[in-house]
Amino acid sequence: MVNVIFIIVIGLGAAFLLGLLRENWRNTAYALTLGSLAAMAWIAARWLLFFAVDGGTAFEVFTAGTEPPFAINLRVGITESVLLLLVIFSGLLSAIYMSKSLYRLGGRAMSVLLVFIMALCGIILTRDIFNLFVFFELAVIATAGLLLISENKQALSAGFKYLIISQMVSVFLLIGIIFTYHVSGSLNIDSIAGLPLESLDMMKGIGALAFFFMLIAILTEAKPFPANGWALDIYESAHPAFSAIFSAAMAGSAAVYAVDKLLLIGGQQWLPVVTAIGLLSFVAANLLALSQTHDRRTLGYSSVGQVGLILAIVGQRDILGDSYLFIAGGIILSHAVAKAGLYWMSGLISQRHLTDWTVLRGHPLLILAFVSFIAMLSGLPPFPSFYAKWDLVMILASENRLWILAFVLIGSLLEASYLFRWFGYIIKREKPESKNNSSENKSLDNESALLSQAPHKLLVIFSTLAVTWGLAYLWGELSVHDNLFYALPLLFALSFLLLDWLPAWIKNTLAIAGMVYYFVINYSQYDPLQIIFA
């Protein structure tokens, strides 16, 4: 097995090497960037196979030839390997997606992208709170640089606001780290978590103040409501490929996992705080998204809401037990894959109003991709979010945490409302008149141009679609319930993709006949309530 520290070494080393290349060696620089990301992804995939297939246990990587707390250590387990692969793979696909922009800006932009991905990997791997601060700082600086890839003038102001907020947050994080070291005598997360709670005093006095500063700082990096205004500006104005990484890899993966690790120090006393912040974010963000008409801002609110749901799940880990990773993983992966796919799809659309997505009409595969992504976000079967939410609802109900269950259901309903309203626009609204636009991020409104002008973007989108359905099958196999991937209604619905060329009346007749047939063959199994809904 290749040591996981080489993910950091390859990312950082390639970034420095890109700075030494001549400005006109852009083919070489781009090949080095893709090669580095592919190598990093391969290492992460090998570790994932080691844990998932070979049954390996978590592995510690010690630096400086000594063990913590005298040196920094990294840890890789099945959770870290999944998140690493998610972060690196999203970076690789985004690098392919924005190849023209990277070529235009040269090796320095590619170097910043590698530093950003490397920093996110460091956040996931490190077990040292000061090292966590260092990787967050690298991610912040790289974020400000990558925002300049966008040709949107608002990206500059969004980046400036992001830097200001992030530096303020960094002050709180550093203060918290200093006080934590004063209380515990260590910077290692596991060493501090292993100390008796009485010695840490994390619920009162200086210990509580230290942990509060650290928790608020890391939570702010996850962009929950209401500390999300500046993040929404980034989602709206950044290059769609970077928005995909920012939502899927940073806020929705690395930052929330940092919160999860930090709670090892605070203990169960702080779980209600994280739960409350998560539920507020989930409901409020989705409520505000109902009034949005800008596609990327709508996706930004959805990202904030999904991060809130993940935080709420993290706050309930005291009752989730062995189902914790299955539930949290299902939501994290569903959000990351679907949200990245939707941001990448937005790069095919020339205008930013939700109704401008009607240009997808007439392209069944793109419609399938869009529907798959929003179904995955909404928690519909057979996607991982459905199994995760189902188990979450069952556990919350059994533990009598009904108020939390109510917030989860309300937030989910609000999110499904505006996502499927968006789908309705695509299917029913009149197509807008074509408008010329030369931006690299935007394709022409003409339907043939939608497919012919951006083959590398389509490659990224359809690769994400394949991952979406692959995860649907995998989570069905991992679930204790039946794998809905094999459900007859689902297969029947998917078959209509092959029948799209038929007249509408024939497809409608087949659909009605299929539903009647399914009702007849299952009639004897229905109770009275099921018969009413059927």
Protein backbone atom coordinates (compact mmCIF):
# COMPACT_ATOMS: atom_id res chain seq x y z
CA MET A 1 0.00 0.00 0.00
CA VAL A 2 1.19 3.49 -0.87
CA ASN A 3 1.46 5.67 2.23
CA VAL A 4 -1.48 8.06 2.39
CA ILE A 5 0.87 10.95 3.12
CA PHE A 6 1.85 10.82 -0.55
CA ILE A 7 -1.52 12.41 -1.33
CA ILE A 8 -0.23 15.51 0.45
CA VAL A 9 3.25 15.13 -1.08
CA ILE A 10 1.99 14.77 -4.66
CA GLY A 11 -0.44 17.69 -4.39
CA LEU A 12 2.06 20.05 -2.80
CA GLY A 13 5.01 18.90 -4.90
CA ALA A 14 3.16 19.20 -8.19
CA ALA A 15 1.91 22.66 -7.21
CA PHE A 16 5.48 23.85 -6.63
CA LEU A 17 6.69 22.20 -9.82
CA LEU A 18 4.00 24.00 -11.85
CA GLY A 19 5.43 27.29 -10.64
CA LEU A 20 8.79 26.40 -12.20
CA LEU A 21 7.42 25.68 -15.66
CA ARG A 22 7.52 28.29 -18.40
CA GLU A 23 4.31 30.22 -18.97
CA ASN A 24 3.87 28.83 -22.49
CA TRP A 25 4.23 25.19 -21.38
CA ARG A 26 0.51 24.98 -20.71
CA ASN A 27 0.01 21.52 -22.21
CA THR A 28 2.69 20.16 -19.91
CA ALA A 29 1.23 22.01 -16.93
CA TYR A 30 -2.28 20.71 -17.59
CA ALA A 31 -1.04 17.15 -18.09
CA LEU A 32 0.88 17.39 -14.80
CA THR A 33 -2.23 18.67 -13.04
CA LEU A 34 -4.46 15.87 -14.30
CA GLY A 35 -1.75 13.28 -13.67
CA SER A 36 -1.26 14.46 -10.09
CA LEU A 37 -4.98 14.41 -9.34
CA ALA A 38 -5.31 10.97 -10.93
CA ALA A 39 -2.41 9.65 -8.83
CA MET A 40 -3.93 11.09 -5.66
CA ALA A 41 -7.30 9.54 -6.55
CA TRP A 42 -5.64 6.17 -7.18
CA ILE A 43 -4.02 6.21 -3.72
CA ALA A 44 -7.35 7.08 -2.09
CA ALA A 45 -9.13 4.35 -4.07
CA ARG A 46 -6.54 1.74 -3.05
CA TRP A 47 -7.05 2.58 0.61
CA LEU A 48 -10.82 2.42 0.18
CA LEU A 49 -10.53 -1.05 -1.34
CA PHE A 50 -8.23 -2.06 1.50
CA PHE A 51 -10.87 -1.14 4.09
CA ALA A 52 -14.04 -2.08 2.20
CA VAL A 53 -12.93 -5.32 0.53
CA ASP A 54 -9.94 -6.58 2.49
CA GLY A 55 -11.38 -5.65 5.89
CA GLY A 56 -8.43 -3.48 6.90
CA THR A 57 -8.38 -1.37 10.06
CA ALA A 58 -7.62 2.34 10.50
CA PHE A 59 -3.98 3.21 9.87
CA GLU A 60 -1.91 5.89 11.61
CA VAL A 61 0.80 7.84 9.79
CA PHE A 62 3.43 9.41 12.05
CA THR A 63 5.60 12.31 10.98
CA ALA A 64 9.02 13.48 12.24
CA GLY A 65 9.84 9.93 13.32
CA THR A 66 7.85 10.09 16.55
CA GLU A 67 4.34 9.58 17.86
CA PRO A 68 1.88 12.28 18.94
CA PRO A 69 1.58 14.49 20.87
CA PHE A 70 5.21 15.27 20.05
CA ALA A 71 4.57 15.25 16.28
CA ILE A 72 1.66 15.53 13.89
CA ASN A 73 -0.10 12.33 12.87
CA LEU A 74 -2.53 11.50 10.09
CA ARG A 75 -5.20 8.81 10.22
CA VAL A 76 -6.87 6.99 7.35
CA GLY A 77 -9.85 4.70 7.83
CA ILE A 78 -12.82 3.85 5.68
CA THR A 79 -14.45 7.23 6.43
CA GLU A 80 -11.34 9.18 5.51
CA SER A 81 -10.73 7.12 2.36
CA VAL A 82 -14.27 7.72 1.09
CA LEU A 83 -14.03 11.46 1.71
CA LEU A 84 -10.56 11.61 0.16
CA LEU A 85 -11.77 9.91 -3.00
CA LEU A 86 -14.80 12.22 -3.11
CA VAL A 87 -12.67 15.37 -2.76
CA ILE A 88 -9.98 14.34 -5.23
CA PHE A 89 -12.40 12.94 -7.81
CA SER A 90 -14.47 16.13 -7.73
CA GLY A 91 -11.26 18.10 -8.24
CA LEU A 92 -10.23 15.90 -11.16
CA LEU A 93 -13.60 16.21 -12.91
CA SER A 94 -13.66 19.97 -12.29
CA ALA A 95 -10.17 20.28 -13.78
CA ILE A 96 -11.45 18.54 -16.91
CA TYR A 97 -14.59 20.67 -16.93
CA MET A 98 -12.79 24.03 -16.72
CA SER A 99 -9.88 23.05 -18.94
CA LYS A 100 -10.28 26.11 -21.17
CA SER A 101 -10.14 28.46 -18.19
CA LEU A 102 -7.09 26.71 -16.78
CA TYR A 103 -5.36 26.91 -20.16
CA ARG A 104 -6.20 30.60 -20.36
CA LEU A 105 -4.80 31.39 -16.92
CA GLY A 106 -1.81 29.05 -17.11
CA GLY A 107 0.10 26.91 -14.65
CA ARG A 108 -0.36 29.22 -11.68
CA ALA A 109 -4.12 28.65 -11.65
CA MET A 110 -3.54 24.90 -11.88
CA SER A 111 -1.11 25.16 -8.97
CA VAL A 112 -3.72 26.88 -6.83
CA LEU A 113 -6.25 24.16 -7.68
CA LEU A 114 -3.83 21.46 -6.54
CA VAL A 115 -3.11 23.33 -3.30
CA PHE A 116 -6.85 23.60 -2.66
CA ILE A 117 -7.48 19.87 -3.15
CA MET A 118 -4.39 19.00 -1.11
CA ALA A 119 -5.57 21.26 1.74
CA LEU A 120 -8.99 19.61 1.82
CA CYS A 121 -7.31 16.21 1.98
CA GLY A 122 -5.18 17.47 4.87
CA ILE A 123 -8.29 18.63 6.76
CA ILE A 124 -9.71 15.13 6.43
CA LEU A 125 -6.53 13.27 7.40
CA THR A 126 -4.99 15.32 10.21
CA ARG A 127 -5.53 14.53 13.89
CA ASP A 128 -3.86 17.74 15.12
CA ILE A 129 -5.94 20.86 15.79
CA PHE A 130 -3.18 23.32 14.88
CA ASN A 131 -2.46 21.40 11.70
CA LEU A 132 -6.21 21.60 11.02
CA PHE A 133 -5.91 25.38 11.25
CA VAL A 134 -3.00 25.38 8.77
CA PHE A 135 -4.90 23.33 6.18
CA PHE A 136 -7.98 25.54 6.55
CA GLU A 137 -5.84 28.60 5.92
CA LEU A 138 -4.42 27.02 2.78
CA ALA A 139 -7.93 26.20 1.59
CA VAL A 140 -9.09 29.77 2.25
CA ILE A 141 -6.23 31.36 0.32
CA ALA A 142 -6.67 28.92 -2.57
CA THR A 143 -10.41 29.64 -2.63
CA ALA A 144 -9.77 33.35 -3.08
CA GLY A 145 -7.41 32.59 -5.95
CA LEU A 146 -9.75 30.14 -7.70
CA LEU A 147 -12.60 32.64 -7.59
CA LEU A 148 -10.64 34.72 -10.10
CA ILE A 149 -11.12 31.98 -12.69
CA SER A 150 -14.69 33.22 -13.09
CA GLU A 151 -15.37 35.99 -15.61
CA ASN A 152 -18.24 37.23 -13.42
CA LYS A 153 -17.35 40.64 -11.97
CA GLN A 154 -19.13 39.78 -8.72
CA ALA A 155 -16.58 37.03 -8.02
CA LEU A 156 -13.99 39.61 -6.94
CA SER A 157 -16.22 41.13 -4.26
CA ALA A 158 -17.34 37.64 -3.16
CA GLY A 159 -13.72 36.60 -2.72
CA PHE A 160 -12.90 39.76 -0.79
CA LYS A 161 -15.79 39.20 1.64
CA TYR A 162 -14.78 35.57 1.99
CA LEU A 163 -11.21 36.53 2.94
CA ILE A 164 -12.41 39.01 5.55
CA ILE A 165 -14.79 36.53 7.18
CA SER A 166 -12.25 33.73 7.05
CA GLN A 167 -9.53 35.79 8.72
CA MET A 168 -11.92 36.78 11.50
CA VAL A 169 -12.79 33.13 11.95
CA SER A 170 -9.11 32.21 12.00
CA VAL A 171 -8.57 34.49 14.99
CA PHE A 172 -11.26 32.66 16.96
CA LEU A 173 -9.83 29.30 15.94
CA LEU A 174 -6.32 30.27 17.05
CA ILE A 175 -7.57 31.60 20.38
CA GLY A 176 -9.48 28.38 20.93
CA ILE A 177 -6.42 26.30 20.08
CA ILE A 178 -4.25 28.30 22.51
CA PHE A 179 -6.71 27.90 25.38
CA THR A 180 -7.22 24.20 24.57
CA TYR A 181 -3.47 23.63 24.76
CA HIS A 182 -3.41 25.51 28.06
CA VAL A 183 -6.14 23.24 29.47
CA SER A 184 -5.02 19.88 28.03
CA GLY A 185 -1.31 20.25 27.35
CA SER A 186 -1.74 18.73 23.89
CA LEU A 187 -2.80 19.61 20.34
CA ASN A 188 -3.64 16.06 19.30
CA ILE A 189 -7.37 15.45 18.95
CA ASP A 190 -7.25 11.85 20.17
CA SER A 191 -4.98 12.67 23.11
CA ILE A 192 -7.29 15.45 24.26
CA ALA A 193 -10.40 13.31 23.74
CA GLY A 194 -8.82 10.55 25.83
CA LEU A 195 -8.37 12.77 28.87
CA PRO A 196 -10.97 12.65 31.68
CA LEU A 197 -13.76 15.19 31.14
CA GLU A 198 -13.20 16.56 34.63
CA SER A 199 -9.68 17.64 33.72
CA LEU A 200 -10.82 19.32 30.49
CA ASP A 201 -13.84 21.06 32.01
CA MET A 202 -15.32 21.53 28.52
CA MET A 203 -18.72 22.66 29.80
CA LYS A 204 -17.59 25.56 31.98
CA GLY A 205 -14.71 27.92 32.50
CA ILE A 206 -11.77 28.23 30.17
CA GLY A 207 -12.31 24.78 28.64
CA ALA A 208 -15.81 25.67 27.47
CA LEU A 209 -14.59 28.99 26.09
CA ALA A 210 -11.77 27.29 24.18
CA PHE A 211 -14.01 24.67 22.64
CA PHE A 212 -16.71 27.23 21.82
CA PHE A 213 -14.22 29.35 19.85
CA MET A 214 -12.96 26.34 17.91
CA LEU A 215 -16.43 24.95 17.23
CA ILE A 216 -17.84 28.27 15.99
CA ALA A 217 -14.80 28.78 13.74
CA ILE A 218 -15.05 25.35 12.13
CA LEU A 219 -18.83 25.58 11.83
CA THR A 220 -18.46 28.88 10.00
CA GLU A 221 -16.23 27.15 7.46
CA ALA A 222 -19.13 24.75 6.82
CA LYS A 223 -21.32 27.81 5.92
CA PRO A 224 -24.50 27.07 7.88
CA PHE A 225 -27.37 29.55 8.17
CA PRO A 226 -27.22 32.45 9.04
CA ALA A 227 -23.44 32.70 8.49
CA ASN A 228 -23.81 31.96 4.79
CA GLY A 229 -24.38 35.24 2.93
CA TRP A 230 -20.83 35.47 1.65
CA ALA A 231 -20.91 31.78 0.68
CA LEU A 232 -24.03 32.36 -1.43
CA ASP A 233 -22.17 35.06 -3.34
CA ILE A 234 -19.44 32.53 -4.11
CA TYR A 235 -21.93 29.90 -5.25
CA GLU A 236 -23.58 32.46 -7.51
CA SER A 237 -20.56 34.16 -9.06
CA ALA A 238 -17.79 31.54 -9.15
CA HIS A 239 -16.98 29.31 -12.09
CA PRO A 240 -19.51 26.43 -11.91
CA ALA A 241 -16.69 23.89 -11.71
CA PHE A 242 -15.27 25.61 -8.63
CA SER A 243 -18.75 26.00 -7.10
CA ALA A 244 -19.07 22.23 -7.47
CA ILE A 245 -15.86 21.64 -5.49
CA PHE A 246 -16.71 24.36 -2.96
CA SER A 247 -20.11 22.81 -2.22
CA ALA A 248 -19.35 19.10 -2.55
CA ALA A 249 -15.78 18.84 -1.30
CA MET A 250 -15.19 21.73 1.10
CA ALA A 251 -18.44 22.71 2.85
CA GLY A 252 -20.25 19.39 2.49
CA SER A 253 -17.34 17.01 3.18
CA ALA A 254 -14.08 18.34 4.64
CA ALA A 255 -15.57 21.03 6.90
CA VAL A 256 -18.34 18.86 8.36
CA TYR A 257 -15.85 16.06 8.99
CA ALA A 258 -13.67 18.58 10.84
CA VAL A 259 -16.70 19.35 13.03
CA ASP A 260 -17.18 15.62 13.61
CA LYS A 261 -13.56 15.22 14.73
CA LEU A 262 -13.74 18.30 16.93
CA LEU A 263 -16.76 16.91 18.76
CA LEU A 264 -14.54 14.08 20.01
CA ILE A 265 -13.00 16.74 22.25
CA GLY A 266 -16.23 18.43 23.33
CA GLY A 267 -18.14 15.25 23.99
CA GLN A 268 -21.87 14.58 23.92
CA GLN A 269 -22.64 17.79 25.83
CA TRP A 270 -22.15 19.81 22.64
CA LEU A 271 -24.22 17.59 20.35
CA PRO A 272 -27.49 19.49 20.99
CA VAL A 273 -25.78 22.73 19.94
CA VAL A 274 -24.68 21.26 16.62
CA THR A 275 -28.12 19.70 16.12
CA ALA A 276 -29.89 23.03 16.68
CA ILE A 277 -27.57 24.87 14.28
CA GLY A 278 -28.01 22.15 11.68
CA LEU A 279 -31.80 22.05 11.87
CA LEU A 280 -32.08 25.84 11.73
CA SER A 281 -29.84 25.89 8.67
CA PHE A 282 -31.71 23.04 6.95
CA VAL A 283 -35.16 24.57 7.33
CA ALA A 284 -34.30 28.26 6.92
CA ALA A 285 -32.10 27.80 3.85
CA ASN A 286 -34.68 25.69 2.05
CA LEU A 287 -37.44 28.14 3.01
CA LEU A 288 -35.48 31.05 1.53
CA ALA A 289 -34.72 29.01 -1.59
CA LEU A 290 -38.44 28.92 -2.44
CA SER A 291 -38.35 32.55 -3.61
CA GLN A 292 -35.15 32.28 -5.66
CA THR A 293 -35.11 32.52 -9.46
CA HIS A 294 -31.33 32.48 -10.04
CA ASP A 295 -30.24 28.88 -10.65
CA ARG A 296 -26.84 28.96 -8.97
CA ARG A 297 -28.09 30.93 -5.99
CA THR A 298 -30.87 28.38 -5.61
CA LEU A 299 -28.23 25.64 -5.60
CA GLY A 300 -26.30 27.69 -3.05
CA TYR A 301 -29.26 27.75 -0.66
CA SER A 302 -29.72 24.03 -1.23
CA SER A 303 -26.04 23.48 -0.35
CA VAL A 304 -26.45 25.44 2.88
CA GLY A 305 -29.53 23.38 3.71
CA GLN A 306 -27.84 20.06 2.99
CA VAL A 307 -24.86 21.00 5.16
CA GLY A 308 -27.36 21.81 7.90
CA LEU A 309 -28.93 18.36 7.58
CA ILE A 310 -25.50 16.72 7.80
CA LEU A 311 -24.68 18.74 10.93
CA ALA A 312 -27.99 17.68 12.47
CA ILE A 313 -27.09 14.04 11.81
CA VAL A 314 -23.66 14.60 13.38
CA GLY A 315 -25.47 16.00 16.41
CA GLN A 316 -27.56 12.81 16.69
CA ARG A 317 -24.70 10.35 16.60
CA ASP A 318 -25.26 9.47 20.25
CA ILE A 319 -28.40 7.53 19.25
CA LEU A 320 -27.46 6.46 15.71
CA GLY A 321 -24.91 3.89 16.85
CA ASP A 322 -23.69 1.56 14.12
CA SER A 323 -25.99 3.29 11.60
CA TYR A 324 -24.15 6.61 11.97
CA LEU A 325 -21.72 6.16 9.09
CA PHE A 326 -24.39 4.66 6.83
CA ILE A 327 -26.78 7.56 7.42
CA ALA A 328 -24.24 10.38 7.40
CA GLY A 329 -22.39 8.85 4.45
CA GLY A 330 -25.59 8.49 2.44
CA ILE A 331 -26.46 12.17 2.88
CA ILE A 332 -22.90 13.43 2.30
CA LEU A 333 -22.38 11.42 -0.88
CA SER A 334 -25.85 12.22 -2.21
CA HIS A 335 -25.35 15.92 -1.66
CA ALA A 336 -21.82 15.97 -3.07
CA VAL A 337 -22.51 14.00 -6.24
CA ALA A 338 -25.89 15.54 -7.05
CA LYS A 339 -24.90 19.13 -6.25
CA ALA A 340 -21.67 18.88 -8.23
CA GLY A 341 -23.63 17.44 -11.15
CA LEU A 342 -26.14 20.30 -11.07
CA TYR A 343 -23.40 22.94 -10.91
CA TRP A 344 -21.65 21.30 -13.84
CA MET A 345 -24.93 21.22 -15.76
CA SER A 346 -25.40 24.95 -15.11
CA GLY A 347 -22.31 25.55 -17.24
CA LEU A 348 -24.29 24.37 -20.28
CA ILE A 349 -26.95 27.05 -19.80
CA SER A 350 -26.34 30.54 -21.15
CA GLN A 351 -28.72 32.43 -18.84
CA ARG A 352 -29.20 32.20 -15.11
CA HIS A 353 -32.98 32.17 -14.61
CA LEU A 354 -34.52 28.84 -13.63
CA THR A 355 -36.77 28.92 -16.70
CA ASP A 356 -33.73 29.15 -18.99
CA TRP A 357 -33.11 25.45 -18.32
CA THR A 358 -35.85 24.67 -20.82
CA VAL A 359 -33.03 24.32 -23.36
CA LEU A 360 -32.52 20.83 -21.92
CA ARG A 361 -35.84 19.77 -23.43
CA GLY A 362 -35.29 17.41 -26.31
CA HIS A 363 -32.18 15.87 -24.74
CA PRO A 364 -33.39 12.80 -22.80
CA LEU A 365 -30.02 11.98 -21.28
CA LEU A 366 -29.61 15.48 -19.88
CA ILE A 367 -33.17 15.37 -18.57
CA LEU A 368 -32.35 12.00 -16.95
CA ALA A 369 -29.24 13.53 -15.38
CA PHE A 370 -31.19 16.50 -13.99
CA VAL A 371 -34.00 14.34 -12.61
CA SER A 372 -31.52 11.89 -11.09
CA PHE A 373 -29.64 14.69 -9.35
CA ILE A 374 -32.71 16.38 -7.86
CA ALA A 375 -34.20 13.02 -6.85
CA MET A 376 -30.94 12.20 -5.11
CA LEU A 377 -31.01 15.53 -3.26
CA SER A 378 -34.67 15.11 -2.30
CA GLY A 379 -34.15 11.66 -0.81
CA LEU A 380 -36.20 9.66 -3.29
CA PRO A 381 -35.59 5.95 -3.94
CA PRO A 382 -33.39 4.24 -4.97
CA PHE A 383 -30.66 6.74 -4.04
CA PRO A 384 -28.47 6.67 -0.89
CA SER A 385 -30.24 9.68 0.66
CA PHE A 386 -33.51 7.70 0.69
CA TYR A 387 -32.04 4.81 2.70
CA ALA A 388 -30.23 7.27 4.98
CA LYS A 389 -33.31 9.41 5.67
CA TRP A 390 -35.49 6.33 6.15
CA ASP A 391 -33.18 4.91 8.82
CA LEU A 392 -32.78 8.37 10.39
CA VAL A 393 -36.56 8.82 10.63
CA MET A 394 -37.02 5.37 12.15
CA ILE A 395 -34.34 5.93 14.80
CA LEU A 396 -35.58 9.43 15.70
CA ALA A 397 -39.12 8.11 16.08
CA SER A 398 -38.00 5.16 18.21
CA GLU A 399 -35.99 7.51 20.48
CA ASN A 400 -38.99 9.87 20.78
CA ARG A 401 -37.06 12.83 19.32
CA LEU A 402 -40.13 13.93 17.42
CA TRP A 403 -39.32 17.63 17.26
CA ILE A 404 -36.08 16.83 15.42
CA LEU A 405 -38.00 14.48 13.13
CA ALA A 406 -40.50 17.26 12.38
CA PHE A 407 -37.74 19.69 11.35
CA VAL A 408 -36.12 17.06 9.12
CA LEU A 409 -39.41 16.30 7.36
CA ILE A 410 -40.34 19.98 6.94
CA GLY A 411 -36.93 20.86 5.51
CA SER A 412 -37.05 17.88 3.14
CA LEU A 413 -40.51 18.88 1.92
CA LEU A 414 -39.41 22.47 1.29
CA GLU A 415 -36.36 21.30 -0.67
CA ALA A 416 -38.37 18.89 -2.80
CA SER A 417 -40.87 21.68 -3.51
CA TYR A 418 -38.49 24.07 -5.25
CA LEU A 419 -36.40 21.37 -6.89
CA PHE A 420 -39.38 19.73 -8.59
CA ARG A 421 -40.88 23.13 -9.42
CA TRP A 422 -37.61 23.71 -11.27
CA PHE A 423 -38.12 20.42 -13.11
CA GLY A 424 -41.62 21.58 -14.00
CA TYR A 425 -40.17 24.70 -15.60
CA ILE A 426 -37.94 22.54 -17.80
CA ILE A 427 -40.83 20.37 -18.96
CA LYS A 428 -43.64 22.91 -19.30
CA ARG A 429 -42.29 26.43 -19.78
CA GLU A 430 -41.74 27.97 -23.20
CA LYS A 431 -38.13 28.10 -24.33
CA PRO A 432 -36.55 31.58 -24.06
CA GLU A 433 -35.22 33.35 -27.11
CA SER A 434 -31.57 32.63 -27.89
CA LYS A 435 -29.07 35.22 -26.73
CA ASN A 436 -25.46 35.32 -27.85
CA ASN A 437 -22.86 35.13 -25.13
CA SER A 438 -19.14 34.49 -25.57
CA SER A 439 -18.34 33.53 -21.98
CA GLU A 440 -16.38 30.29 -21.59
CA ASN A 441 -18.76 29.19 -18.86
CA LYS A 442 -21.82 29.50 -21.10
CA SER A 443 -22.87 27.58 -24.16
CA LEU A 444 -25.27 28.72 -26.88
CA ASP A 445 -28.99 28.25 -26.38
CA ASN A 446 -29.31 26.37 -29.65
CA GLU A 447 -30.09 22.71 -28.89
CA SER A 448 -27.47 21.29 -31.23
CA ALA A 449 -24.86 23.61 -29.75
CA LEU A 450 -25.77 22.33 -26.29
CA LEU A 451 -24.33 18.95 -27.21
CA SER A 452 -21.62 19.90 -29.69
CA GLN A 453 -19.89 22.87 -28.06
CA ALA A 454 -18.90 21.25 -24.76
CA PRO A 455 -17.99 17.55 -25.12
CA HIS A 456 -15.64 17.67 -22.12
CA LYS A 457 -18.44 19.10 -19.98
CA LEU A 458 -20.84 16.39 -21.11
CA LEU A 459 -18.20 13.78 -20.26
CA VAL A 460 -18.04 15.14 -16.71
CA ILE A 461 -21.84 15.29 -16.34
CA PHE A 462 -22.49 11.79 -17.65
CA SER A 463 -19.64 10.39 -15.53
CA THR A 464 -21.37 11.93 -12.51
CA LEU A 465 -24.66 10.41 -13.65
CA ALA A 466 -23.01 6.98 -13.75
CA VAL A 467 -21.66 7.51 -10.23
CA THR A 468 -25.15 8.55 -9.10
CA TRP A 469 -26.73 5.29 -10.18
CA GLY A 470 -23.73 3.29 -9.02
CA LEU A 471 -24.19 4.70 -5.52
CA ALA A 472 -27.91 3.88 -5.72
CA TYR A 473 -27.05 0.22 -6.29
CA LEU A 474 -24.28 0.19 -3.67
CA TRP A 475 -26.36 1.75 -0.91
CA GLY A 476 -29.19 -0.65 -1.67
CA GLU A 477 -26.78 -3.55 -1.19
CA LEU A 478 -25.42 -2.08 2.04
CA SER A 479 -28.89 -1.41 3.45
CA VAL A 480 -30.68 -3.86 5.72
CA HIS A 481 -33.76 -3.25 3.58
CA ASP A 482 -34.48 -4.59 0.09
CA ASN A 483 -32.43 -3.09 -2.73
CA LEU A 484 -34.91 -0.79 -4.49
CA PHE A 485 -32.62 -0.68 -7.50
CA TYR A 486 -34.33 -3.88 -8.62
CA ALA A 487 -37.85 -2.52 -8.07
CA LEU A 488 -40.13 -3.19 -11.03
CA PRO A 489 -41.69 0.34 -11.09
CA LEU A 490 -38.23 1.92 -11.30
CA LEU A 491 -37.14 -0.28 -14.19
CA PHE A 492 -40.46 0.39 -15.92
CA ALA A 493 -39.99 4.17 -15.56
CA LEU A 494 -36.42 4.03 -16.87
CA SER A 495 -37.57 2.08 -19.93
CA PHE A 496 -39.37 5.20 -21.16
CA LEU A 497 -35.99 6.75 -21.94
CA LEU A 498 -35.74 4.26 -24.77
CA LEU A 499 -39.29 5.07 -25.89
CA ASP A 500 -38.89 8.85 -25.98
CA TRP A 501 -39.31 8.85 -29.78
CA LEU A 502 -42.86 7.51 -29.56
CA PRO A 503 -45.90 9.85 -29.73
CA ALA A 504 -47.13 11.14 -26.37
CA TRP A 505 -50.46 9.28 -26.51
CA ILE A 506 -48.70 5.95 -26.92
CA LYS A 507 -46.36 6.63 -23.99
CA ASN A 508 -49.27 7.77 -21.82
CA THR A 509 -51.22 4.62 -22.67
CA LEU A 510 -48.24 2.42 -21.81
CA ALA A 511 -47.72 4.27 -18.53
CA ILE A 512 -51.35 3.85 -17.47
CA ALA A 513 -51.37 0.18 -18.49
CA GLY A 514 -48.17 -0.42 -16.54
CA MET A 515 -49.52 1.20 -13.37
CA VAL A 516 -52.78 -0.77 -13.61
CA TYR A 517 -50.86 -4.03 -14.12
CA TYR A 518 -48.63 -3.35 -11.11
CA PHE A 519 -51.70 -2.59 -8.97
CA VAL A 520 -53.43 -5.79 -10.03
CA ILE A 521 -50.50 -8.11 -9.32
CA ASN A 522 -49.93 -6.54 -5.86
CA TYR A 523 -53.58 -6.01 -4.88
CA SER A 524 -53.71 -8.95 -2.48
CA GLN A 525 -50.74 -7.59 -0.49
CA TYR A 526 -52.24 -4.14 0.15
CA ASP A 527 -53.95 -3.14 3.38
CA PRO A 528 -56.92 -0.69 3.16
CA LEU A 529 -54.73 2.40 3.60
CA GLN A 530 -52.33 1.26 0.87
CA ILE A 531 -55.26 0.61 -1.48
CA ILE A 532 -56.40 4.22 -1.04
CA PHE A 533 -52.99 5.61 -2.03
CA ALA A 534 -52.44 3.01 -4.75
